[in-house]
C-alpha atoms as a PDB file:
ATOM      1  CA  MET A   1     140.526  82.853  50.060  1.00  0.00           C
ATOM      2  CA  ASN A   2     138.324  79.826  50.639  1.00  0.00           C
ATOM      3  CA  LYS A   3     137.741  79.680  54.379  1.00  0.00           C
ATOM      4  CA  ILE A   4     134.698  80.002  56.563  1.00  0.00           C
ATOM      5  CA  LEU A   5     135.911  82.463  59.177  1.00  0.00           C
ATOM      6  CA  GLU A   6     133.157  82.529  61.797  1.00  0.00           C
ATOM      7  CA  ILE A   7     129.515  82.017  62.530  1.00  0.00           C
ATOM      8  CA  ASP A   8     127.679  84.354  64.870  1.00  0.00           C
ATOM      9  CA  GLU A   9     124.707  82.329  66.024  1.00  0.00           C
ATOM     10  CA  GLU A  10     123.267  85.195  68.060  1.00  0.00           C
ATOM     11  CA  ASN A  11     123.098  87.595  65.099  1.00  0.00           C
ATOM     12  CA  LEU A  12     122.622  84.838  62.494  1.00  0.00           C
ATOM     13  CA  THR A  13     125.612  85.868  60.402  1.00  0.00           C
ATOM     14  CA  LEU A  14     128.333  83.897  58.690  1.00  0.00           C
ATOM     15  CA  THR A  15     131.681  85.435  57.727  1.00  0.00           C
ATOM     16  CA  VAL A  16     133.332  83.784  54.734  1.00  0.00           C
ATOM     17  CA  GLU A  17     136.010  84.428  52.156  1.00  0.00           C
ATOM     18  CA  PRO A  18     134.811  84.721  48.523  1.00  0.00           C
ATOM     19  CA  GLY A  19     136.214  81.390  47.362  1.00  0.00           C
ATOM     20  CA  VAL A  20     134.158  79.222  49.723  1.00  0.00           C
ATOM     21  CA  LEU A  21     131.998  76.785  47.769  1.00  0.00           C
ATOM     22  CA  LEU A  22     128.244  76.980  48.103  1.00  0.00           C
ATOM     23  CA  LYS A  23     128.022  73.296  49.049  1.00  0.00           C
ATOM     24  CA  ASP A  24     130.496  73.906  51.884  1.00  0.00           C
ATOM     25  CA  VAL A  25     128.471  76.850  53.209  1.00  0.00           C
ATOM     26  CA  GLN A  26     125.271  74.819  53.110  1.00  0.00           C
ATOM     27  CA  SER A  27     126.902  71.860  54.884  1.00  0.00           C
ATOM     28  CA  TYR A  28     128.491  74.098  57.512  1.00  0.00           C
ATOM     29  CA  VAL A  29     125.263  75.850  58.475  1.00  0.00           C
ATOM     30  CA  GLU A  30     123.175  72.657  58.349  1.00  0.00           C
ATOM     31  CA  GLU A  31     125.530  71.021  60.869  1.00  0.00           C
ATOM     32  CA  ARG A  32     124.552  73.847  63.229  1.00  0.00           C
ATOM     33  CA  ASN A  33     120.812  73.566  62.480  1.00  0.00           C
ATOM     34  CA  PHE A  34     120.676  76.669  60.278  1.00  0.00           C
ATOM     35  CA  PHE A  35     119.599  77.112  56.669  1.00  0.00           C
ATOM     36  CA  TYR A  36     121.163  79.089  53.798  1.00  0.00           C
ATOM     37  CA  PRO A  37     118.263  79.675  51.371  1.00  0.00           C
ATOM     38  CA  PRO A  38     119.828  80.664  48.012  1.00  0.00           C
ATOM     39  CA  ASP A  39     120.218  77.448  46.033  1.00  0.00           C
ATOM     40  CA  PRO A  40     121.452  77.915  42.459  1.00  0.00           C
ATOM     41  CA  GLY A  41     121.842  74.754  40.399  1.00  0.00           C
ATOM     42  CA  GLU A  42     125.641  74.706  40.528  1.00  0.00           C
ATOM     43  CA  LYS A  43     126.752  73.520  43.975  1.00  0.00           C
ATOM     44  CA  THR A  44     130.461  73.920  43.221  1.00  0.00           C
ATOM     45  CA  ALA A  45     130.064  77.658  42.605  1.00  0.00           C
ATOM     46  CA  SER A  46     131.764  80.021  45.027  1.00  0.00           C
ATOM     47  CA  ILE A  47     129.996  82.446  47.331  1.00  0.00           C
ATOM     48  CA  GLY A  48     131.845  85.300  45.638  1.00  0.00           C
ATOM     49  CA  GLY A  49     130.389  84.201  42.312  1.00  0.00           C
ATOM     50  CA  ASN A  50     126.913  83.942  43.811  1.00  0.00           C
ATOM     51  CA  VAL A  51     127.167  87.464  45.192  1.00  0.00           C
ATOM     52  CA  SER A  52     128.505  88.906  41.929  1.00  0.00           C
ATOM     53  CA  THR A  53     125.679  87.359  39.882  1.00  0.00           C
ATOM     54  CA  ASN A  54     122.949  87.643  42.534  1.00  0.00           C
ATOM     55  CA  ALA A  55     122.211  83.937  42.189  1.00  0.00           C
ATOM     56  CA  GLY A  56     118.922  82.565  43.428  1.00  0.00           C
ATOM     57  CA  GLY A  57     117.914  79.177  42.074  1.00  0.00           C
ATOM     58  CA  MET A  58     114.742  77.221  42.732  1.00  0.00           C
ATOM     59  CA  ARG A  59     114.200  78.631  46.221  1.00  0.00           C
ATOM     60  CA  ALA A  60     114.335  82.273  45.051  1.00  0.00           C
ATOM     61  CA  VAL A  61     110.555  82.578  44.727  1.00  0.00           C
ATOM     62  CA  LYS A  62     110.023  81.679  48.363  1.00  0.00           C
ATOM     63  CA  TYR A  63     113.191  82.968  50.059  1.00  0.00           C
ATOM     64  CA  GLY A  64     114.710  85.576  47.746  1.00  0.00           C
ATOM     65  CA  VAL A  65     118.069  85.804  46.012  1.00  0.00           C
ATOM     66  CA  THR A  66     121.629  86.165  47.289  1.00  0.00           C
ATOM     67  CA  ARG A  67     121.490  89.947  47.763  1.00  0.00           C
ATOM     68  CA  ASP A  68     118.769  89.438  50.378  1.00  0.00           C
ATOM     69  CA  TYR A  69     121.302  87.577  52.550  1.00  0.00           C
ATOM     70  CA  VAL A  70     124.365  89.827  52.266  1.00  0.00           C
ATOM     71  CA  ARG A  71     124.717  92.250  55.170  1.00  0.00           C
ATOM     72  CA  GLU A  72     128.222  93.552  54.608  1.00  0.00           C
ATOM     73  CA  MET A  73     131.123  93.156  52.206  1.00  0.00           C
ATOM     74  CA  GLU A  74     134.740  94.178  52.411  1.00  0.00           C
ATOM     75  CA  VAL A  75     136.005  94.815  48.886  1.00  0.00           C
ATOM     76  CA  VAL A  76     139.648  95.293  47.953  1.00  0.00           C
ATOM     77  CA  THR A  77     140.426  96.739  44.525  1.00  0.00           C
ATOM     78  CA  GLY A  78     143.713  96.707  42.692  1.00  0.00           C
END
């Protein structure tokens, strides 16, 4: 569960699986001239972990925390 599934440049959304690393998300969007604002100190953290802890980092004061950038989640419980 560590794949970037799609980017919708028109609607500015990125669909990812929860195991994708933050550094991979940031690299992926930067290659396409976009910017993912939440920037917690740990770059090897997963997006799923960032969402579950509402991570923010140094940019949180200016851009907000992770919850400000989540539009939709599909959750599967056991």
